[in-house]
Amino acid sequence: MTDGLNIETSDGVTTIALNDPTTLNALTPELAVSLTAALESAAQNSRAIILTGSSRAFCSGANLQARPTAKPGQINAGSALDEAYNPLMMVIRNLDVPLITAINGPAAGIGASIAMAGDIIIAGENSYFLEAFCHIGLVPDGGATWMLVRNVGRVRAAELALLGEKLAAQQAFDWGMVTKVVGDDDVMPTANTYASRLANGPTHALGLMRKLLWQAGDGTFQEQLAEERDAQASAGKHPHFAEGVAAFLQKRKANFE
């Protein structure tokens, strides 16, 4: 266990849980750096990752109480992004294995950004997203503006950012932001079911897929065709492809070891 994180690995799946119940798992820059390292390690040693929060929350955002005291106008609110939160989000984007975010309770601020960055997003029925920045005079970060516009469109993204109101799990599902809404007690069992399925899949190809999907928001159609070609060439050279074809021809289930 790392301070502020519970980390467990079993059957090819690493589960990382934010663990600071007193702050509803609020992040500090130091904890963000630890989470980044934990994700990088898990990607090297596991076939799928679950990221969740302990107790009653996924993540309540940045820990404002941990900020150093300074006179108004002297705080550089962007420095923590450069040093901790933006590197974290880039590591999440570039993971070589699938990431499941399992959301229990609030996912607020940077916590909402992390939750939205999952490949599979499981939300408890009483969980919610909250872009709370407007209440403290800051702007959404952690890639929230990029993801929200692509997930729900500019107008709904503006509603969430400018008004800072809670977005309930079911509404988030209806808007296409989450994969599945389940009972609060079923969040982790459901996440584990998905993770087991992914961990037993062709993980090299799955890693390439998730990167292609992230890249699809950046370039042109022609550029994406080239990215798919390169990824397909890599997938075709991997033993998983040979096993998949053999299993298909032999009418059996593939064993992607």
C-alpha atoms as a PDB file:
ATOM      1  CA  MET A   1       0.000   0.000   0.000  1.00  0.00           C
ATOM      2  CA  THR A   2       1.203   3.499  -0.924  1.00  0.00           C
ATOM      3  CA  ASP A   3       0.103   6.451   1.223  1.00  0.00           C
ATOM      4  CA  GLY A   4      -3.290   7.468  -0.088  1.00  0.00           C
ATOM      5  CA  LEU A   5      -3.553   4.453  -2.407  1.00  0.00           C
ATOM      6  CA  ASN A   6      -4.590   0.838  -1.971  1.00  0.00           C
ATOM      7  CA  ILE A   7      -3.120  -1.355  -4.713  1.00  0.00           C
ATOM      8  CA  GLU A   8      -3.950  -5.005  -5.290  1.00  0.00           C
ATOM      9  CA  THR A   9      -3.108  -7.312  -8.202  1.00  0.00           C
ATOM     10  CA  SER A  10      -4.864 -10.588  -8.927  1.00  0.00           C
ATOM     11  CA  ASP A  11      -5.322 -12.672 -12.082  1.00  0.00           C
ATOM     12  CA  GLY A  12      -3.738 -10.067 -14.313  1.00  0.00           C
ATOM     13  CA  VAL A  13      -5.848  -7.169 -13.000  1.00  0.00           C
ATOM     14  CA  THR A  14      -4.471  -4.363 -10.831  1.00  0.00           C
ATOM     15  CA  THR A  15      -7.008  -2.458  -8.749  1.00  0.00           C
ATOM     16  CA  ILE A  16      -5.908   0.977  -7.556  1.00  0.00           C
ATOM     17  CA  ALA A  17      -8.144   2.667  -4.992  1.00  0.00           C
ATOM     18  CA  LEU A  18      -7.749   6.245  -3.842  1.00  0.00           C
ATOM     19  CA  ASN A  19      -7.804   5.968  -0.066  1.00  0.00           C
ATOM     20  CA  ASP A  20      -8.290   9.150   1.940  1.00  0.00           C
ATOM     21  CA  PRO A  21     -11.851   8.878   3.266  1.00  0.00           C
ATOM     22  CA  THR A  22     -11.542  11.989   5.435  1.00  0.00           C
ATOM     23  CA  THR A  23     -11.313  14.169   2.299  1.00  0.00           C
ATOM     24  CA  LEU A  24     -13.507  11.939   0.103  1.00  0.00           C
ATOM     25  CA  ASN A  25     -10.306  10.943  -1.707  1.00  0.00           C
ATOM     26  CA  ALA A  26      -9.250  14.451  -2.655  1.00  0.00           C
ATOM     27  CA  LEU A  27      -5.993  14.663  -4.591  1.00  0.00           C
ATOM     28  CA  THR A  28      -2.855  16.559  -3.738  1.00  0.00           C
ATOM     29  CA  PRO A  29      -0.057  17.036  -6.265  1.00  0.00           C
ATOM     30  CA  GLU A  30       2.013  14.528  -4.306  1.00  0.00           C
ATOM     31  CA  LEU A  31      -0.756  11.921  -4.428  1.00  0.00           C
ATOM     32  CA  ALA A  32      -1.246  12.588  -8.145  1.00  0.00           C
ATOM     33  CA  VAL A  33       2.449  11.821  -8.708  1.00  0.00           C
ATOM     34  CA  SER A  34       2.086   8.591  -6.702  1.00  0.00           C
ATOM     35  CA  LEU A  35      -0.995   7.638  -8.711  1.00  0.00           C
ATOM     36  CA  THR A  36       0.894   8.272 -11.943  1.00  0.00           C
ATOM     37  CA  ALA A  37       3.683   5.945 -10.835  1.00  0.00           C
ATOM     38  CA  ALA A  38       1.168   3.299  -9.723  1.00  0.00           C
ATOM     39  CA  LEU A  39      -0.574   3.371 -13.111  1.00  0.00           C
ATOM     40  CA  GLU A  40       2.729   3.111 -14.989  1.00  0.00           C
ATOM     41  CA  SER A  41       3.749   0.133 -12.862  1.00  0.00           C
ATOM     42  CA  ALA A  42       0.371  -1.554 -13.260  1.00  0.00           C
ATOM     43  CA  ALA A  43       0.509  -1.155 -17.038  1.00  0.00           C
ATOM     44  CA  GLN A  44       3.822  -3.021 -17.082  1.00  0.00           C
ATOM     45  CA  ASN A  45       2.719  -5.830 -14.781  1.00  0.00           C
ATOM     46  CA  SER A  46      -0.999  -6.319 -15.488  1.00  0.00           C
ATOM     47  CA  ARG A  47      -3.377  -6.876 -18.377  1.00  0.00           C
ATOM     48  CA  ALA A  48      -6.111  -4.500 -17.180  1.00  0.00           C
ATOM     49  CA  ILE A  49      -6.467  -1.797 -14.521  1.00  0.00           C
ATOM     50  CA  ILE A  50      -9.375  -0.761 -12.324  1.00  0.00           C
ATOM     51  CA  LEU A  51      -9.224   2.721 -10.787  1.00  0.00           C
ATOM     52  CA  THR A  52     -11.698   3.486  -8.036  1.00  0.00           C
ATOM     53  CA  GLY A  53     -12.113   5.255  -4.715  1.00  0.00           C
ATOM     54  CA  SER A  54     -12.455   3.825  -1.243  1.00  0.00           C
ATOM     55  CA  SER A  55     -15.437   4.364   1.004  1.00  0.00           C
ATOM     56  CA  ARG A  56     -18.031   6.942  -0.088  1.00  0.00           C
ATOM     57  CA  ALA A  57     -16.359   8.663  -3.033  1.00  0.00           C
ATOM     58  CA  PHE A  58     -14.413   8.240  -6.225  1.00  0.00           C
ATOM     59  CA  CYS A  59     -12.523  11.541  -5.903  1.00  0.00           C
ATOM     60  CA  SER A  60     -13.779  14.886  -4.615  1.00  0.00           C
ATOM     61  CA  GLY A  61     -11.244  16.866  -6.640  1.00  0.00           C
ATOM     62  CA  ALA A  62      -8.108  18.695  -5.582  1.00  0.00           C
ATOM     63  CA  ASN A  63      -7.526  19.047  -1.858  1.00  0.00           C
ATOM     64  CA  LEU A  64      -7.890  22.791  -1.374  1.00  0.00           C
ATOM     65  CA  GLN A  65      -6.984  22.547   2.298  1.00  0.00           C
ATOM     66  CA  ALA A  66      -3.565  21.242   1.319  1.00  0.00           C
ATOM     67  CA  ARG A  67      -2.751  24.328  -0.751  1.00  0.00           C
ATOM     68  CA  PRO A  68      -0.066  26.586   0.708  1.00  0.00           C
ATOM     69  CA  THR A  69      -1.279  29.874   2.095  1.00  0.00           C
ATOM     70  CA  ALA A  70      -0.568  32.870  -0.107  1.00  0.00           C
ATOM     71  CA  LYS A  71      -1.906  36.340  -0.633  1.00  0.00           C
ATOM     72  CA  PRO A  72      -4.640  36.804  -3.248  1.00  0.00           C
ATOM     73  CA  GLY A  73      -3.162  37.076  -6.702  1.00  0.00           C
ATOM     74  CA  GLN A  74       0.053  35.287  -5.757  1.00  0.00           C
ATOM     75  CA  ILE A  75      -1.123  31.686  -6.242  1.00  0.00           C
ATOM     76  CA  ASN A  76      -0.121  30.044  -9.508  1.00  0.00           C
ATOM     77  CA  ALA A  77      -2.992  27.598  -9.909  1.00  0.00           C
ATOM     78  CA  GLY A  78      -1.468  26.301 -13.129  1.00  0.00           C
ATOM     79  CA  SER A  79       1.784  25.042 -11.630  1.00  0.00           C
ATOM     80  CA  ALA A  80       0.210  21.954 -10.054  1.00  0.00           C
ATOM     81  CA  LEU A  81      -1.235  21.080 -13.450  1.00  0.00           C
ATOM     82  CA  ASP A  82       2.173  21.193 -15.121  1.00  0.00           C
ATOM     83  CA  GLU A  83       3.907  19.342 -12.313  1.00  0.00           C
ATOM     84  CA  ALA A  84       1.372  16.687 -11.338  1.00  0.00           C
ATOM     85  CA  TYR A  85      -2.107  16.560 -12.836  1.00  0.00           C
ATOM     86  CA  ASN A  86      -1.367  16.969 -16.548  1.00  0.00           C
ATOM     87  CA  PRO A  87       1.368  14.276 -16.484  1.00  0.00           C
ATOM     88  CA  LEU A  88      -1.147  12.006 -14.718  1.00  0.00           C
ATOM     89  CA  MET A  89      -3.754  12.540 -17.425  1.00  0.00           C
ATOM     90  CA  MET A  90      -1.212  11.926 -20.197  1.00  0.00           C
ATOM     91  CA  VAL A  91      -0.135   8.654 -18.588  1.00  0.00           C
ATOM     92  CA  ILE A  92      -3.801   7.607 -18.428  1.00  0.00           C
ATOM     93  CA  ARG A  93      -4.264   8.512 -22.080  1.00  0.00           C
ATOM     94  CA  ASN A  94      -1.183   6.550 -23.160  1.00  0.00           C
ATOM     95  CA  LEU A  95      -1.635   3.384 -21.090  1.00  0.00           C
ATOM     96  CA  ASP A  96      -0.867   0.160 -22.949  1.00  0.00           C
ATOM     97  CA  VAL A  97      -3.678  -1.738 -21.212  1.00  0.00           C
ATOM     98  CA  PRO A  98      -7.402  -1.026 -20.776  1.00  0.00           C
ATOM     99  CA  LEU A  99      -8.481   1.158 -17.866  1.00  0.00           C
ATOM    100  CA  ILE A 100     -11.789   0.759 -16.048  1.00  0.00           C
ATOM    101  CA  THR A 101     -12.942   3.587 -13.805  1.00  0.00           C
ATOM    102  CA  ALA A 102     -15.377   2.436 -11.117  1.00  0.00           C
ATOM    103  CA  ILE A 103     -17.251   5.426  -9.735  1.00  0.00           C
ATOM    104  CA  ASN A 104     -18.822   5.399  -6.312  1.00  0.00           C
ATOM    105  CA  GLY A 105     -20.141   8.682  -4.919  1.00  0.00           C
ATOM    106  CA  PRO A 106     -18.814  12.013  -6.204  1.00  0.00           C
ATOM    107  CA  ALA A 107     -16.359  12.407  -9.067  1.00  0.00           C
ATOM    108  CA  ALA A 108     -15.638  16.123  -8.846  1.00  0.00           C
ATOM    109  CA  GLY A 109     -13.088  18.478 -10.357  1.00  0.00           C
ATOM    110  CA  ILE A 110      -9.944  16.626 -11.372  1.00  0.00           C
ATOM    111  CA  GLY A 111     -11.720  13.507 -10.105  1.00  0.00           C
ATOM    112  CA  ALA A 112     -14.349  13.922 -12.820  1.00  0.00           C
ATOM    113  CA  SER A 113     -11.600  14.188 -15.429  1.00  0.00           C
ATOM    114  CA  ILE A 114      -9.954  10.995 -14.207  1.00  0.00           C
ATOM    115  CA  ALA A 115     -13.305   9.195 -14.130  1.00  0.00           C
ATOM    116  CA  MET A 116     -14.144  10.275 -17.686  1.00  0.00           C
ATOM    117  CA  ALA A 117     -10.765   9.032 -18.944  1.00  0.00           C
ATOM    118  CA  GLY A 118     -11.648   5.379 -18.388  1.00  0.00           C
ATOM    119  CA  ASP A 119     -12.130   3.084 -21.367  1.00  0.00           C
ATOM    120  CA  ILE A 120     -14.955   1.358 -19.510  1.00  0.00           C
ATOM    121  CA  ILE A 121     -16.765   3.560 -17.001  1.00  0.00           C
ATOM    122  CA  ILE A 122     -18.949   1.914 -14.345  1.00  0.00           C
ATOM    123  CA  ALA A 123     -21.039   4.279 -12.229  1.00  0.00           C
ATOM    124  CA  GLY A 124     -23.014   3.538  -9.082  1.00  0.00           C
ATOM    125  CA  GLU A 125     -26.620   4.697  -9.217  1.00  0.00           C
ATOM    126  CA  ASN A 126     -25.990   7.364  -6.562  1.00  0.00           C
ATOM    127  CA  SER A 127     -22.704   8.594  -8.007  1.00  0.00           C
ATOM    128  CA  TYR A 128     -22.372  11.865  -9.866  1.00  0.00           C
ATOM    129  CA  PHE A 129     -20.023  14.095 -11.832  1.00  0.00           C
ATOM    130  CA  LEU A 130     -19.392  17.669 -10.762  1.00  0.00           C
ATOM    131  CA  GLU A 131     -17.430  20.406 -12.505  1.00  0.00           C
ATOM    132  CA  ALA A 132     -17.230  22.560  -9.390  1.00  0.00           C
ATOM    133  CA  PHE A 133     -14.617  25.021 -10.616  1.00  0.00           C
ATOM    134  CA  CYS A 134     -17.041  27.895 -11.197  1.00  0.00           C
ATOM    135  CA  HIS A 135     -17.805  27.913  -7.459  1.00  0.00           C
ATOM    136  CA  ILE A 136     -14.207  28.821  -6.593  1.00  0.00           C
ATOM    137  CA  GLY A 137     -13.329  31.011  -9.557  1.00  0.00           C
ATOM    138  CA  LEU A 138     -11.250  28.496 -11.516  1.00  0.00           C
ATOM    139  CA  VAL A 139     -11.720  26.650 -14.818  1.00  0.00           C
ATOM    140  CA  PRO A 140     -12.125  22.919 -15.515  1.00  0.00           C
ATOM    141  CA  ASP A 141      -8.824  21.086 -15.863  1.00  0.00           C
ATOM    142  CA  GLY A 142      -7.386  17.635 -16.349  1.00  0.00           C
ATOM    143  CA  GLY A 143      -8.648  17.690 -19.931  1.00  0.00           C
ATOM    144  CA  ALA A 144     -12.263  18.132 -18.810  1.00  0.00           C
ATOM    145  CA  THR A 145     -13.124  20.695 -21.481  1.00  0.00           C
ATOM    146  CA  TRP A 146     -11.683  18.447 -24.228  1.00  0.00           C
ATOM    147  CA  MET A 147     -13.484  15.328 -23.009  1.00  0.00           C
ATOM    148  CA  LEU A 148     -16.804  16.981 -22.194  1.00  0.00           C
ATOM    149  CA  VAL A 149     -17.183  18.640 -25.587  1.00  0.00           C
ATOM    150  CA  ARG A 150     -16.445  15.347 -27.319  1.00  0.00           C
ATOM    151  CA  ASN A 151     -18.646  13.329 -24.960  1.00  0.00           C
ATOM    152  CA  VAL A 152     -21.747  15.511 -24.745  1.00  0.00           C
ATOM    153  CA  GLY A 153     -21.277  18.463 -27.123  1.00  0.00           C
ATOM    154  CA  ARG A 154     -20.390  22.104 -26.498  1.00  0.00           C
ATOM    155  CA  VAL A 155     -23.779  23.250 -25.173  1.00  0.00           C
ATOM    156  CA  ARG A 156     -24.129  20.543 -22.533  1.00  0.00           C
ATOM    157  CA  ALA A 157     -20.443  20.924 -21.660  1.00  0.00           C
ATOM    158  CA  ALA A 158     -21.075  24.632 -21.112  1.00  0.00           C
ATOM    159  CA  GLU A 159     -24.019  23.839 -18.850  1.00  0.00           C
ATOM    160  CA  LEU A 160     -21.891  21.561 -16.694  1.00  0.00           C
ATOM    161  CA  ALA A 161     -18.920  23.946 -16.545  1.00  0.00           C
ATOM    162  CA  LEU A 162     -20.657  27.309 -16.229  1.00  0.00           C
ATOM    163  CA  LEU A 163     -23.371  26.273 -13.766  1.00  0.00           C
ATOM    164  CA  GLY A 164     -21.405  23.732 -11.745  1.00  0.00           C
ATOM    165  CA  GLU A 165     -24.377  21.495 -11.040  1.00  0.00           C
ATOM    166  CA  LYS A 166     -24.240  17.783 -10.246  1.00  0.00           C
ATOM    167  CA  LEU A 167     -24.705  15.388 -13.137  1.00  0.00           C
ATOM    168  CA  ALA A 168     -26.312  12.210 -11.826  1.00  0.00           C
ATOM    169  CA  ALA A 169     -25.052   8.840 -13.011  1.00  0.00           C
ATOM    170  CA  GLN A 170     -28.208   7.967 -14.945  1.00  0.00           C
ATOM    171  CA  GLN A 171     -28.169  11.306 -16.763  1.00  0.00           C
ATOM    172  CA  ALA A 172     -24.478  10.804 -17.547  1.00  0.00           C
ATOM    173  CA  PHE A 173     -25.359   7.418 -19.020  1.00  0.00           C
ATOM    174  CA  ASP A 174     -28.169   8.921 -21.072  1.00  0.00           C
ATOM    175  CA  TRP A 175     -25.698  11.499 -22.417  1.00  0.00           C
ATOM    176  CA  GLY A 176     -23.182   8.821 -23.381  1.00  0.00           C
ATOM    177  CA  MET A 177     -20.600   9.566 -20.683  1.00  0.00           C
ATOM    178  CA  VAL A 178     -20.549   6.202 -18.909  1.00  0.00           C
ATOM    179  CA  THR A 179     -20.674   2.565 -19.968  1.00  0.00           C
ATOM    180  CA  LYS A 180     -23.083   1.246 -17.368  1.00  0.00           C
ATOM    181  CA  VAL A 181     -25.002   2.340 -14.270  1.00  0.00           C
ATOM    182  CA  VAL A 182     -25.409  -0.292 -11.567  1.00  0.00           C
ATOM    183  CA  GLY A 183     -26.444  -0.488  -7.931  1.00  0.00           C
ATOM    184  CA  ASP A 184     -23.894   1.058  -5.606  1.00  0.00           C
ATOM    185  CA  ASP A 185     -22.980  -2.349  -4.165  1.00  0.00           C
ATOM    186  CA  ASP A 186     -22.478  -3.730  -7.662  1.00  0.00           C
ATOM    187  CA  VAL A 187     -19.884  -1.204  -8.855  1.00  0.00           C
ATOM    188  CA  MET A 188     -16.807  -3.241  -8.022  1.00  0.00           C
ATOM    189  CA  PRO A 189     -18.256  -6.673  -8.913  1.00  0.00           C
ATOM    190  CA  THR A 190     -19.246  -5.262 -12.308  1.00  0.00           C
ATOM    191  CA  ALA A 191     -15.852  -3.623 -12.788  1.00  0.00           C
ATOM    192  CA  ASN A 192     -14.150  -6.896 -11.897  1.00  0.00           C
ATOM    193  CA  THR A 193     -16.267  -8.778 -14.442  1.00  0.00           C
ATOM    194  CA  TYR A 194     -15.267  -6.375 -17.203  1.00  0.00           C
ATOM    195  CA  ALA A 195     -11.634  -6.403 -16.079  1.00  0.00           C
ATOM    196  CA  SER A 196     -11.470 -10.197 -16.113  1.00  0.00           C
ATOM    197  CA  ARG A 197     -12.876 -10.251 -19.633  1.00  0.00           C
ATOM    198  CA  LEU A 198     -10.344  -7.677 -20.817  1.00  0.00           C
ATOM    199  CA  ALA A 199      -7.439  -9.366 -19.033  1.00  0.00           C
ATOM    200  CA  ASN A 200      -8.217 -12.593 -20.861  1.00  0.00           C
ATOM    201  CA  GLY A 201      -8.451 -10.857 -24.219  1.00  0.00           C
ATOM    202  CA  PRO A 202      -5.817  -9.967 -26.829  1.00  0.00           C
ATOM    203  CA  THR A 203      -4.256  -7.297 -24.640  1.00  0.00           C
ATOM    204  CA  HIS A 204      -1.752  -6.080 -27.235  1.00  0.00           C
ATOM    205  CA  ALA A 205      -4.554  -5.307 -29.678  1.00  0.00           C
ATOM    206  CA  LEU A 206      -6.749  -3.863 -26.917  1.00  0.00           C
ATOM    207  CA  GLY A 207      -3.980  -1.458 -25.968  1.00  0.00           C
ATOM    208  CA  LEU A 208      -3.638  -0.380 -29.581  1.00  0.00           C
ATOM    209  CA  MET A 209      -7.408   0.086 -29.827  1.00  0.00           C
ATOM    210  CA  ARG A 210      -7.636   2.379 -26.821  1.00  0.00           C
ATOM    211  CA  LYS A 211      -4.836   4.551 -28.196  1.00  0.00           C
ATOM    212  CA  LEU A 212      -6.535   4.766 -31.590  1.00  0.00           C
ATOM    213  CA  LEU A 213      -9.757   5.875 -29.938  1.00  0.00           C
ATOM    214  CA  TRP A 214      -7.961   8.632 -28.025  1.00  0.00           C
ATOM    215  CA  GLN A 215      -6.142   9.759 -31.156  1.00  0.00           C
ATOM    216  CA  ALA A 216      -9.365   9.870 -33.157  1.00  0.00           C
ATOM    217  CA  GLY A 217     -10.279  13.160 -31.503  1.00  0.00           C
ATOM    218  CA  ASP A 218      -7.087  14.867 -32.627  1.00  0.00           C
ATOM    219  CA  GLY A 219      -6.503  14.318 -36.318  1.00  0.00           C
ATOM    220  CA  THR A 220      -8.184  14.093 -39.692  1.00  0.00           C
ATOM    221  CA  PHE A 221      -9.861  11.026 -41.165  1.00  0.00           C
ATOM    222  CA  GLN A 222      -6.882  10.455 -43.424  1.00  0.00           C
ATOM    223  CA  GLU A 223      -4.485  10.673 -40.477  1.00  0.00           C
ATOM    224  CA  GLN A 224      -6.602   8.196 -38.553  1.00  0.00           C
ATOM    225  CA  LEU A 225      -6.483   5.741 -41.456  1.00  0.00           C
ATOM    226  CA  ALA A 226      -2.692   5.876 -41.264  1.00  0.00           C
ATOM    227  CA  GLU A 227      -2.753   5.366 -37.492  1.00  0.00           C
ATOM    228  CA  GLU A 228      -5.016   2.326 -37.933  1.00  0.00           C
ATOM    229  CA  ARG A 229      -2.686   0.912 -40.591  1.00  0.00           C
ATOM    230  CA  ASP A 230       0.317   1.186 -38.267  1.00  0.00           C
ATOM    231  CA  ALA A 231      -1.576  -0.329 -35.350  1.00  0.00           C
ATOM    232  CA  GLN A 232      -2.862  -3.169 -37.535  1.00  0.00           C
ATOM    233  CA  ALA A 233       0.686  -3.934 -38.674  1.00  0.00           C
ATOM    234  CA  SER A 234       1.778  -4.154 -35.043  1.00  0.00           C
ATOM    235  CA  ALA A 235      -1.201  -6.312 -34.044  1.00  0.00           C
ATOM    236  CA  GLY A 236      -0.621  -8.663 -36.965  1.00  0.00           C
ATOM    237  CA  LYS A 237       2.909  -9.418 -35.804  1.00  0.00           C
ATOM    238  CA  HIS A 238       1.821 -10.316 -32.260  1.00  0.00           C
ATOM    239  CA  PRO A 239       1.262 -13.962 -31.212  1.00  0.00           C
ATOM    240  CA  HIS A 240      -2.294 -13.056 -30.173  1.00  0.00           C
ATOM    241  CA  PHE A 241      -3.242 -12.694 -33.854  1.00  0.00           C
ATOM    242  CA  ALA A 242      -1.903 -16.117 -34.731  1.00  0.00           C
ATOM    243  CA  GLU A 243      -3.776 -17.632 -31.783  1.00  0.00           C
ATOM    244  CA  GLY A 244      -6.985 -15.821 -32.702  1.00  0.00           C
ATOM    245  CA  VAL A 245      -6.911 -17.092 -36.282  1.00  0.00           C
ATOM    246  CA  ALA A 246      -6.056 -20.634 -35.182  1.00  0.00           C
ATOM    247  CA  ALA A 247      -8.914 -20.646 -32.675  1.00  0.00           C
ATOM    248  CA  PHE A 248     -11.335 -19.369 -35.316  1.00  0.00           C
ATOM    249  CA  LEU A 249     -10.347 -22.060 -37.795  1.00  0.00           C
ATOM    250  CA  GLN A 250     -10.461 -24.771 -35.115  1.00  0.00           C
ATOM    251  CA  LYS A 251     -13.830 -23.517 -33.817  1.00  0.00           C
ATOM    252  CA  ARG A 252     -12.592 -23.071 -30.251  1.00  0.00           C
ATOM    253  CA  LYS A 253     -12.211 -20.198 -27.818  1.00  0.00           C
ATOM    254  CA  ALA A 254      -8.942 -18.303 -28.215  1.00  0.00           C
ATOM    255  CA  ASN A 255      -6.414 -18.431 -25.396  1.00  0.00           C
ATOM    256  CA  PHE A 256      -4.674 -15.050 -25.372  1.00  0.00           C
ATOM    257  CA  GLU A 257      -1.940 -15.756 -22.843  1.00  0.00           C
END
